[in-house]
Amino acid sequence: MKLRDLAHARAGDKGDVSNVSLILDDARYYALVREQITADRVKAWFGPLVAGAVERYEIPSLNAFNFVMRGALGGGVTRSLALDPHGKTRSGWLLEMSLEA
């Protein structure tokens, strides 16, 4: 199954940092996502789009995770020539990750 079957996501930016929040629709899947969607896996998923570290913050009271990706926006909105300088499409791309049930 894909993350999009279990959650929705939002993306934001601050300088060269992309921030993607993953919010589960049902608390029953929190442990599964916690186990399988690690910071290392997210970094690998985004590949060369993320030059720096990825940190995962857990927010169990909201059934959510926040992934902070450093060095991920080509220097930031005012420096990047990317079509998506704010990184808004990264929320949709994260939701394409698969989970093993």
PDB file of N, CA and C in Angstrom:
ATOM      1  N   MET A   1       0.842  -1.183   0.000  1.00  0.00           N
ATOM      2  CA  MET A   1       0.000   0.000   0.000  1.00  0.00           C
ATOM      3  C   MET A   1       0.877   1.233   0.000  1.00  0.00           C
ATOM      4  N   LYS A   2       0.346   2.314  -0.478  1.00  0.00           N
ATOM      5  CA  LYS A   2       1.082   3.579  -0.536  1.00  0.00           C
ATOM      6  C   LYS A   2       0.679   4.460   0.650  1.00  0.00           C
ATOM      7  N   LEU A   3       1.583   5.356   1.016  1.00  0.00           N
ATOM      8  CA  LEU A   3       1.281   6.294   2.094  1.00  0.00           C
ATOM      9  C   LEU A   3       0.021   7.096   1.799  1.00  0.00           C
ATOM     10  N   ARG A   4      -0.235   7.400   0.533  1.00  0.00           N
ATOM     11  CA  ARG A   4      -1.414   8.203   0.190  1.00  0.00           C
ATOM     12  C   ARG A   4      -2.709   7.490   0.561  1.00  0.00           C
ATOM     13  N   ASP A   5      -2.665   6.167   0.762  1.00  0.00           N
ATOM     14  CA  ASP A   5      -3.841   5.420   1.191  1.00  0.00           C
ATOM     15  C   ASP A   5      -4.127   5.612   2.679  1.00  0.00           C
ATOM     16  N   LEU A   6      -3.135   6.112   3.410  1.00  0.00           N
ATOM     17  CA  LEU A   6      -3.233   6.210   4.870  1.00  0.00           C
ATOM     18  C   LEU A   6      -3.122   7.629   5.412  1.00  0.00           C
ATOM     19  N   ALA A   7      -2.688   8.563   4.579  1.00  0.00           N
ATOM     20  CA  ALA A   7      -2.313   9.865   5.124  1.00  0.00           C
ATOM     21  C   ALA A   7      -2.450  10.974   4.082  1.00  0.00           C
ATOM     22  N   HIS A   8      -2.299  12.181   4.585  1.00  0.00           N
ATOM     23  CA  HIS A   8      -2.138  13.336   3.704  1.00  0.00           C
ATOM     24  C   HIS A   8      -0.858  14.048   4.154  1.00  0.00           C
ATOM     25  N   ALA A   9      -0.377  14.966   3.341  1.00  0.00           N
ATOM     26  CA  ALA A   9       0.894  15.619   3.645  1.00  0.00           C
ATOM     27  C   ALA A   9       0.837  17.094   3.270  1.00  0.00           C
ATOM     28  N   ARG A  10       1.698  17.857   3.923  1.00  0.00           N
ATOM     29  CA  ARG A  10       1.832  19.293   3.654  1.00  0.00           C
ATOM     30  C   ARG A  10       3.322  19.601   3.579  1.00  0.00           C
ATOM     31  N   ALA A  11       3.675  20.557   2.756  1.00  0.00           N
ATOM     32  CA  ALA A  11       5.081  20.934   2.622  1.00  0.00           C
ATOM     33  C   ALA A  11       5.265  22.421   2.855  1.00  0.00           C
ATOM     34  N   GLY A  12       6.423  22.769   3.349  1.00  0.00           N
ATOM     35  CA  GLY A  12       6.773  24.164   3.551  1.00  0.00           C
ATOM     36  C   GLY A  12       8.265  24.341   3.351  1.00  0.00           C
ATOM     37  N   ASP A  13       8.728  25.561   3.478  1.00  0.00           N
ATOM     38  CA  ASP A  13      10.148  25.826   3.274  1.00  0.00           C
ATOM     39  C   ASP A  13      10.602  26.969   4.166  1.00  0.00           C
ATOM     40  N   LYS A  14      11.886  26.969   4.429  1.00  0.00           N
ATOM     41  CA  LYS A  14      12.544  28.061   5.137  1.00  0.00           C
ATOM     42  C   LYS A  14      13.980  28.062   4.650  1.00  0.00           C
ATOM     43  N   GLY A  15      14.293  29.010   3.783  1.00  0.00           N
ATOM     44  CA  GLY A  15      15.636  29.041   3.204  1.00  0.00           C
ATOM     45  C   GLY A  15      15.868  27.809   2.347  1.00  0.00           C
ATOM     46  N   ASP A  16      16.915  27.067   2.654  1.00  0.00           N
ATOM     47  CA  ASP A  16      17.273  25.870   1.895  1.00  0.00           C
ATOM     48  C   ASP A  16      16.773  24.596   2.586  1.00  0.00           C
ATOM     49  N   VAL A  17      15.779  24.740   3.456  1.00  0.00           N
ATOM     50  CA  VAL A  17      15.236  23.613   4.200  1.00  0.00           C
ATOM     51  C   VAL A  17      13.811  23.341   3.736  1.00  0.00           C
ATOM     52  N   SER A  18      13.571  22.087   3.350  1.00  0.00           N
ATOM     53  CA  SER A  18      12.229  21.650   2.976  1.00  0.00           C
ATOM     54  C   SER A  18      11.652  20.872   4.142  1.00  0.00           C
ATOM     55  N   ASN A  19      10.403  21.156   4.455  1.00  0.00           N
ATOM     56  CA  ASN A  19       9.735  20.564   5.602  1.00  0.00           C
ATOM     57  C   ASN A  19       8.469  19.888   5.096  1.00  0.00           C
ATOM     58  N   VAL A  20       8.348  18.566   5.304  1.00  0.00           N
ATOM     59  CA  VAL A  20       7.161  17.836   4.859  1.00  0.00           C
ATOM     60  C   VAL A  20       6.534  17.151   6.067  1.00  0.00           C
ATOM     61  N   SER A  21       5.283  17.478   6.314  1.00  0.00           N
ATOM     62  CA  SER A  21       4.539  16.850   7.399  1.00  0.00           C
ATOM     63  C   SER A  21       3.652  15.759   6.821  1.00  0.00           C
ATOM     64  N   LEU A  22       3.654  14.610   7.472  1.00  0.00           N
ATOM     65  CA  LEU A  22       2.849  13.466   7.088  1.00  0.00           C
ATOM     66  C   LEU A  22       1.833  13.233   8.199  1.00  0.00           C
ATOM     67  N   ILE A  23       0.551  13.334   7.889  1.00  0.00           N
ATOM     68  CA  ILE A  23      -0.510  13.242   8.891  1.00  0.00           C
ATOM     69  C   ILE A  23      -1.384  12.038   8.567  1.00  0.00           C
ATOM     70  N   LEU A  24      -1.393  11.077   9.462  1.00  0.00           N
ATOM     71  CA  LEU A  24      -2.153   9.846   9.235  1.00  0.00           C
ATOM     72  C   LEU A  24      -3.637  10.077   9.466  1.00  0.00           C
ATOM     73  N   ASP A  25      -4.445   9.424   8.657  1.00  0.00           N
ATOM     74  CA  ASP A  25      -5.895   9.518   8.790  1.00  0.00           C
ATOM     75  C   ASP A  25      -6.422   8.653   9.931  1.00  0.00           C
ATOM     76  N   ASP A  26      -5.645   7.639  10.335  1.00  0.00           N
ATOM     77  CA  ASP A  26      -6.094   6.688  11.352  1.00  0.00           C
ATOM     78  C   ASP A  26      -4.909   6.318  12.241  1.00  0.00           C
ATOM     79  N   ALA A  27      -5.072   6.462  13.546  1.00  0.00           N
ATOM     80  CA  ALA A  27      -4.000   6.195  14.510  1.00  0.00           C
ATOM     81  C   ALA A  27      -3.518   4.747  14.481  1.00  0.00           C
ATOM     82  N   ARG A  28      -4.338   3.840  13.964  1.00  0.00           N
ATOM     83  CA  ARG A  28      -3.941   2.422  13.923  1.00  0.00           C
ATOM     84  C   ARG A  28      -2.674   2.191  13.101  1.00  0.00           C
ATOM     85  N   TYR A  29      -2.345   3.096  12.194  1.00  0.00           N
ATOM     86  CA  TYR A  29      -1.198   2.903  11.321  1.00  0.00           C
ATOM     87  C   TYR A  29       0.060   3.631  11.800  1.00  0.00           C
ATOM     88  N   TYR A  30      -0.034   4.301  12.929  1.00  0.00           N
ATOM     89  CA  TYR A  30       1.099   5.093  13.412  1.00  0.00           C
ATOM     90  C   TYR A  30       2.349   4.240  13.616  1.00  0.00           C
ATOM     91  N   ALA A  31       2.213   3.108  14.295  1.00  0.00           N
ATOM     92  CA  ALA A  31       3.378   2.248  14.571  1.00  0.00           C
ATOM     93  C   ALA A  31       3.985   1.709  13.281  1.00  0.00           C
ATOM     94  N   LEU A  32       3.161   1.340  12.325  1.00  0.00           N
ATOM     95  CA  LEU A  32       3.638   0.831  11.041  1.00  0.00           C
ATOM     96  C   LEU A  32       4.447   1.897  10.299  1.00  0.00           C
ATOM     97  N   VAL A  33       3.921   3.101  10.238  1.00  0.00           N
ATOM     98  CA  VAL A  33       4.623   4.189   9.561  1.00  0.00           C
ATOM     99  C   VAL A  33       5.891   4.545  10.341  1.00  0.00           C
ATOM    100  N   ARG A  34       5.803   4.563  11.637  1.00  0.00           N
ATOM    101  CA  ARG A  34       6.976   4.878  12.473  1.00  0.00           C
ATOM    102  C   ARG A  34       8.116   3.898  12.197  1.00  0.00           C
ATOM    103  N   GLU A  35       7.771   2.636  12.038  1.00  0.00           N
ATOM    104  CA  GLU A  35       8.770   1.604  11.791  1.00  0.00           C
ATOM    105  C   GLU A  35       9.367   1.693  10.381  1.00  0.00           C
ATOM    106  N   GLN A  36       8.530   1.951   9.388  1.00  0.00           N
ATOM    107  CA  GLN A  36       8.981   1.839   8.007  1.00  0.00           C
ATOM    108  C   GLN A  36       9.418   3.144   7.336  1.00  0.00           C
ATOM    109  N   ILE A  37       8.878   4.259   7.744  1.00  0.00           N
ATOM    110  CA  ILE A  37       9.217   5.530   7.082  1.00  0.00           C
ATOM    111  C   ILE A  37      10.207   6.290   7.968  1.00  0.00           C
ATOM    112  N   THR A  38      11.446   5.893   7.834  1.00  0.00           N
ATOM    113  CA  THR A  38      12.527   6.473   8.642  1.00  0.00           C
ATOM    114  C   THR A  38      13.141   7.682   7.927  1.00  0.00           C
ATOM    115  N   ALA A  39      13.926   8.426   8.665  1.00  0.00           N
ATOM    116  CA  ALA A  39      14.631   9.570   8.069  1.00  0.00           C
ATOM    117  C   ALA A  39      15.567   9.098   6.962  1.00  0.00           C
ATOM    118  N   ASP A  40      16.247   7.980   7.177  1.00  0.00           N
ATOM    119  CA  ASP A  40      17.161   7.451   6.158  1.00  0.00           C
ATOM    120  C   ASP A  40      16.403   7.042   4.897  1.00  0.00           C
ATOM    121  N   ARG A  41      15.247   6.443   5.075  1.00  0.00           N
ATOM    122  CA  ARG A  41      14.466   6.022   3.907  1.00  0.00           C
ATOM    123  C   ARG A  41      13.933   7.234   3.135  1.00  0.00           C
ATOM    124  N   VAL A  42      13.519   8.256   3.858  1.00  0.00           N
ATOM    125  CA  VAL A  42      13.046   9.479   3.195  1.00  0.00           C
ATOM    126  C   VAL A  42      14.190  10.141   2.431  1.00  0.00           C
ATOM    127  N   LYS A  43      15.381  10.183   3.026  1.00  0.00           N
ATOM    128  CA  LYS A  43      16.537  10.766   2.328  1.00  0.00           C
ATOM    129  C   LYS A  43      16.825   9.987   1.051  1.00  0.00           C
ATOM    130  N   ALA A  44      16.795   8.672   1.128  1.00  0.00           N
ATOM    131  CA  ALA A  44      17.033   7.847  -0.059  1.00  0.00           C
ATOM    132  C   ALA A  44      15.934   8.056  -1.097  1.00  0.00           C
ATOM    133  N   TRP A  45      14.697   8.206  -0.646  1.00  0.00           N
ATOM    134  CA  TRP A  45      13.559   8.397  -1.547  1.00  0.00           C
ATOM    135  C   TRP A  45      13.708   9.671  -2.382  1.00  0.00           C
ATOM    136  N   PHE A  46      14.148  10.731  -1.747  1.00  0.00           N
ATOM    137  CA  PHE A  46      14.311  12.004  -2.452  1.00  0.00           C
ATOM    138  C   PHE A  46      15.650  12.089  -3.182  1.00  0.00           C
ATOM    139  N   GLY A  47      16.557  11.196  -2.889  1.00  0.00           N
ATOM    140  CA  GLY A  47      17.823  11.097  -3.610  1.00  0.00           C
ATOM    141  C   GLY A  47      18.581  12.404  -3.688  1.00  0.00           C
ATOM    142  N   PRO A  48      19.046  12.772  -4.884  1.00  0.00           N
ATOM    143  CA  PRO A  48      19.889  13.962  -5.024  1.00  0.00           C
ATOM    144  C   PRO A  48      19.160  15.279  -4.773  1.00  0.00           C
ATOM    145  N   LEU A  49      17.849  15.238  -4.575  1.00  0.00           N
ATOM    146  CA  LEU A  49      17.133  16.475  -4.253  1.00  0.00           C
ATOM    147  C   LEU A  49      17.462  16.985  -2.852  1.00  0.00           C
ATOM    148  N   VAL A  50      17.983  16.090  -2.010  1.00  0.00           N
ATOM    149  CA  VAL A  50      18.317  16.467  -0.631  1.00  0.00           C
ATOM    150  C   VAL A  50      19.812  16.260  -0.417  1.00  0.00           C
ATOM    151  N   ALA A  51      20.558  17.357  -0.358  1.00  0.00           N
ATOM    152  CA  ALA A  51      22.008  17.286  -0.198  1.00  0.00           C
ATOM    153  C   ALA A  51      22.429  17.090   1.257  1.00  0.00           C
ATOM    154  N   GLY A  52      21.595  17.544   2.184  1.00  0.00           N
ATOM    155  CA  GLY A  52      21.944  17.477   3.604  1.00  0.00           C
ATOM    156  C   GLY A  52      21.211  16.374   4.336  1.00  0.00           C
ATOM    157  N   ALA A  53      21.180  16.514   5.637  1.00  0.00           N
ATOM    158  CA  ALA A  53      20.556  15.520   6.509  1.00  0.00           C
ATOM    159  C   ALA A  53      19.031  15.617   6.466  1.00  0.00           C
ATOM    160  N   VAL A  54      18.394  14.507   6.801  1.00  0.00           N
ATOM    161  CA  VAL A  54      16.942  14.468   6.997  1.00  0.00           C
ATOM    162  C   VAL A  54      16.702  14.089   8.446  1.00  0.00           C
ATOM    163  N   GLU A  55      15.860  14.864   9.105  1.00  0.00           N
ATOM    164  CA  GLU A  55      15.491  14.589  10.491  1.00  0.00           C
ATOM    165  C   GLU A  55      14.003  14.293  10.553  1.00  0.00           C
ATOM    166  N   ARG A  56      13.629  13.306  11.351  1.00  0.00           N
ATOM    167  CA  ARG A  56      12.211  12.980  11.523  1.00  0.00           C
ATOM    168  C   ARG A  56      11.794  13.340  12.948  1.00  0.00           C
ATOM    169  N   TYR A  57      10.705  14.073  13.035  1.00  0.00           N
ATOM    170  CA  TYR A  57      10.121  14.415  14.325  1.00  0.00           C
ATOM    171  C   TYR A  57       8.782  13.706  14.433  1.00  0.00           C
ATOM    172  N   GLU A  58       8.561  13.053  15.551  1.00  0.00           N
ATOM    173  CA  GLU A  58       7.322  12.313  15.774  1.00  0.00           C
ATOM    174  C   GLU A  58       6.347  13.167  16.572  1.00  0.00           C
ATOM    175  N   ILE A  59       5.090  13.153  16.154  1.00  0.00           N
ATOM    176  CA  ILE A  59       4.046  13.916  16.833  1.00  0.00           C
ATOM    177  C   ILE A  59       2.865  12.962  17.064  1.00  0.00           C
ATOM    178  N   PRO A  60       3.004  12.044  18.029  1.00  0.00           N
ATOM    179  CA  PRO A  60       1.971  11.020  18.219  1.00  0.00           C
ATOM    180  C   PRO A  60       0.601  11.580  18.590  1.00  0.00           C
ATOM    181  N   SER A  61       0.545  12.700  19.264  1.00  0.00           N
ATOM    182  CA  SER A  61      -0.756  13.270  19.647  1.00  0.00           C
ATOM    183  C   SER A  61      -1.565  13.724  18.430  1.00  0.00           C
ATOM    184  N   LEU A  62      -0.890  13.928  17.297  1.00  0.00           N
ATOM    185  CA  LEU A  62      -1.563  14.323  16.057  1.00  0.00           C
ATOM    186  C   LEU A  62      -1.504  13.228  14.995  1.00  0.00           C
ATOM    187  N   ASN A  63      -0.970  12.048  15.370  1.00  0.00           N
ATOM    188  CA  ASN A  63      -0.767  10.961  14.406  1.00  0.00           C
ATOM    189  C   ASN A  63       0.035  11.461  13.211  1.00  0.00           C
ATOM    190  N   ALA A  64       1.131  12.159  13.502  1.00  0.00           N
ATOM    191  CA  ALA A  64       1.880  12.825  12.441  1.00  0.00           C
ATOM    192  C   ALA A  64       3.387  12.681  12.633  1.00  0.00           C
ATOM    193  N   PHE A  65       4.070  12.920  11.529  1.00  0.00           N
ATOM    194  CA  PHE A  65       5.528  12.965  11.490  1.00  0.00           C
ATOM    195  C   PHE A  65       5.914  14.211  10.701  1.00  0.00           C
ATOM    196  N   ASN A  66       7.023  14.806  11.075  1.00  0.00           N
ATOM    197  CA  ASN A  66       7.517  15.964  10.344  1.00  0.00           C
ATOM    198  C   ASN A  66       8.942  15.636   9.891  1.00  0.00           C
ATOM    199  N   PHE A  67       9.175  15.727   8.597  1.00  0.00           N
ATOM    200  CA  PHE A  67      10.495  15.464   8.035  1.00  0.00           C
ATOM    201  C   PHE A  67      11.123  16.789   7.622  1.00  0.00           C
ATOM    202  N   VAL A  68      12.294  17.070   8.183  1.00  0.00           N
ATOM    203  CA  VAL A  68      13.031  18.287   7.884  1.00  0.00           C
ATOM    204  C   VAL A  68      14.222  17.877   7.029  1.00  0.00           C
ATOM    205  N   MET A  69      14.240  18.399   5.796  1.00  0.00           N
ATOM    206  CA  MET A  69      15.279  18.028   4.832  1.00  0.00           C
ATOM    207  C   MET A  69      16.159  19.246   4.570  1.00  0.00           C
ATOM    208  N   ARG A  70      17.408  19.148   4.971  1.00  0.00           N
ATOM    209  CA  ARG A  70      18.348  20.263   4.848  1.00  0.00           C
ATOM    210  C   ARG A  70      19.087  20.205   3.512  1.00  0.00           C
ATOM    211  N   GLY A  71      19.419  21.364   2.991  1.00  0.00           N
ATOM    212  CA  GLY A  71      20.099  21.418   1.697  1.00  0.00           C
ATOM    213  C   GLY A  71      19.230  20.839   0.594  1.00  0.00           C
ATOM    214  N   ALA A  72      17.936  21.183   0.632  1.00  0.00           N
ATOM    215  CA  ALA A  72      16.979  20.525  -0.245  1.00  0.00           C
ATOM    216  C   ALA A  72      16.315  21.438  -1.265  1.00  0.00           C
ATOM    217  N   LEU A  73      16.653  22.716  -1.265  1.00  0.00           N
ATOM    218  CA  LEU A  73      15.944  23.636  -2.158  1.00  0.00           C
ATOM    219  C   LEU A  73      16.880  24.477  -3.023  1.00  0.00           C
ATOM    220  N   GLY A  74      18.014  23.909  -3.369  1.00  0.00           N
ATOM    221  CA  GLY A  74      18.928  24.600  -4.273  1.00  0.00           C
ATOM    222  C   GLY A  74      19.383  25.958  -3.792  1.00  0.00           C
ATOM    223  N   GLY A  75      19.530  26.116  -2.493  1.00  0.00           N
ATOM    224  CA  GLY A  75      19.969  27.389  -1.928  1.00  0.00           C
ATOM    225  C   GLY A  75      18.837  28.237  -1.387  1.00  0.00           C
ATOM    226  N   GLY A  76      17.606  27.875  -1.694  1.00  0.00           N
ATOM    227  CA  GLY A  76      16.447  28.629  -1.220  1.00  0.00           C
ATOM    228  C   GLY A  76      15.683  29.258  -2.370  1.00  0.00           C
ATOM    229  N   VAL A  77      14.507  29.746  -2.068  1.00  0.00           N
ATOM    230  CA  VAL A  77      13.588  30.246  -3.090  1.00  0.00           C
ATOM    231  C   VAL A  77      14.197  31.342  -3.955  1.00  0.00           C
ATOM    232  N   THR A  78      14.896  32.263  -3.363  1.00  0.00           N
ATOM    233  CA  THR A  78      15.430  33.389  -4.141  1.00  0.00           C
ATOM    234  C   THR A  78      16.690  33.035  -4.929  1.00  0.00           C
ATOM    235  N   ARG A  79      17.249  31.852  -4.683  1.00  0.00           N
ATOM    236  CA  ARG A  79      18.466  31.437  -5.387  1.00  0.00           C
ATOM    237  C   ARG A  79      18.227  30.309  -6.389  1.00  0.00           C
ATOM    238  N   SER A  80      17.178  29.568  -6.196  1.00  0.00           N
ATOM    239  CA  SER A  80      16.940  28.370  -6.986  1.00  0.00           C
ATOM    240  C   SER A  80      16.330  28.687  -8.351  1.00  0.00           C
ATOM    241  N   LEU A  81      16.723  27.913  -9.343  1.00  0.00           N
ATOM    242  CA  LEU A  81      16.118  27.991 -10.666  1.00  0.00           C
ATOM    243  C   LEU A  81      15.106  26.862 -10.872  1.00  0.00           C
ATOM    244  N   ALA A  82      14.804  26.120  -9.809  1.00  0.00           N
ATOM    245  CA  ALA A  82      13.880  24.987  -9.895  1.00  0.00           C
ATOM    246  C   ALA A  82      12.468  25.452 -10.240  1.00  0.00           C
ATOM    247  N   LEU A  83      11.715  24.595 -10.907  1.00  0.00           N
ATOM    248  CA  LEU A  83      10.319  24.901 -11.222  1.00  0.00           C
ATOM    249  C   LEU A  83       9.461  24.978  -9.966  1.00  0.00           C
ATOM    250  N   ASP A  84       9.860  24.265  -8.915  1.00  0.00           N
ATOM    251  CA  ASP A  84       9.130  24.245  -7.651  1.00  0.00           C
ATOM    252  C   ASP A  84      10.076  24.705  -6.533  1.00  0.00           C
ATOM    253  N   PRO A  85      10.443  25.980  -6.500  1.00  0.00           N
ATOM    254  CA  PRO A  85      11.458  26.431  -5.545  1.00  0.00           C
ATOM    255  C   PRO A  85      11.037  26.297  -4.084  1.00  0.00           C
ATOM    256  N   HIS A  86       9.736  26.280  -3.813  1.00  0.00           N
ATOM    257  CA  HIS A  86       9.257  26.110  -2.435  1.00  0.00           C
ATOM    258  C   HIS A  86       9.198  24.642  -2.022  1.00  0.00           C
ATOM    259  N   GLY A  87       9.304  23.739  -2.956  1.00  0.00           N
ATOM    260  CA  GLY A  87       9.265  22.310  -2.648  1.00  0.00           C
ATOM    261  C   GLY A  87       7.879  21.783  -2.309  1.00  0.00           C
ATOM    262  N   LYS A  88       6.833  22.455  -2.778  1.00  0.00           N
ATOM    263  CA  LYS A  88       5.467  22.042  -2.440  1.00  0.00           C
ATOM    264  C   LYS A  88       5.117  20.663  -2.991  1.00  0.00           C
ATOM    265  N   THR A  89       5.694  20.272  -4.114  1.00  0.00           N
ATOM    266  CA  THR A  89       5.364  18.976  -4.701  1.00  0.00           C
ATOM    267  C   THR A  89       5.965  17.817  -3.909  1.00  0.00           C
ATOM    268  N   ARG A  90       6.849  18.098  -2.989  1.00  0.00           N
ATOM    269  CA  ARG A  90       7.472  17.033  -2.194  1.00  0.00           C
ATOM    270  C   ARG A  90       6.480  16.312  -1.300  1.00  0.00           C
ATOM    271  N   SER A  91       5.421  16.986  -0.909  1.00  0.00           N
ATOM    272  CA  SER A  91       4.409  16.301  -0.100  1.00  0.00           C
ATOM    273  C   SER A  91       3.747  15.200  -0.921  1.00  0.00           C
ATOM    274  N   GLY A  92       3.430  15.474  -2.165  1.00  0.00           N
ATOM    275  CA  GLY A  92       2.840  14.462  -3.032  1.00  0.00           C
ATOM    276  C   GLY A  92       3.803  13.328  -3.335  1.00  0.00           C
ATOM    277  N   TRP A  93       5.069  13.676  -3.509  1.00  0.00           N
ATOM    278  CA  TRP A  93       6.074  12.656  -3.797  1.00  0.00           C
ATOM    279  C   TRP A  93       6.262  11.742  -2.596  1.00  0.00           C
ATOM    280  N   LEU A  94       6.258  12.273  -1.372  1.00  0.00           N
ATOM    281  CA  LEU A  94       6.381  11.442  -0.173  1.00  0.00           C
ATOM    282  C   LEU A  94       5.225  10.448  -0.092  1.00  0.00           C
ATOM    283  N   LEU A  95       4.025  10.886  -0.448  1.00  0.00           N
ATOM    284  CA  LEU A  95       2.854  10.012  -0.383  1.00  0.00           C
ATOM    285  C   LEU A  95       2.906   8.847  -1.361  1.00  0.00           C
ATOM    286  N   GLU A  96       3.834   8.886  -2.303  1.00  0.00           N
ATOM    287  CA  GLU A  96       4.005   7.770  -3.250  1.00  0.00           C
ATOM    288  C   GLU A  96       4.829   6.620  -2.672  1.00  0.00           C
ATOM    289  N   MET A  97       5.444   6.825  -1.504  1.00  0.00           N
ATOM    290  CA  MET A  97       6.218   5.743  -0.880  1.00  0.00           C
ATOM    291  C   MET A  97       5.300   4.597  -0.516  1.00  0.00           C
ATOM    292  N   SER A  98       5.838   3.375  -0.606  1.00  0.00           N
ATOM    293  CA  SER A  98       5.066   2.172  -0.286  1.00  0.00           C
ATOM    294  C   SER A  98       5.383   1.668   1.114  1.00  0.00           C
ATOM    295  N   LEU A  99       4.397   1.004   1.682  1.00  0.00           N
ATOM    296  CA  LEU A  99       4.542   0.335   2.985  1.00  0.00           C
ATOM    297  C   LEU A  99       4.220  -1.138   2.819  1.00  0.00           C
ATOM    298  N   GLU A 100       4.838  -1.951   3.667  1.00  0.00           N
ATOM    299  CA  GLU A 100       4.480  -3.357   3.732  1.00  0.00           C
ATOM    300  C   GLU A 100       3.584  -3.543   4.931  1.00  0.00           C
ATOM    301  N   ALA A 101       2.374  -4.030   4.702  1.00  0.00           N
ATOM    302  CA  ALA A 101       1.400  -4.190   5.793  1.00  0.00           C
ATOM    303  C   ALA A 101       1.651  -5.449   6.602  1.00  0.00           C
TER     304      ALA A 101
END
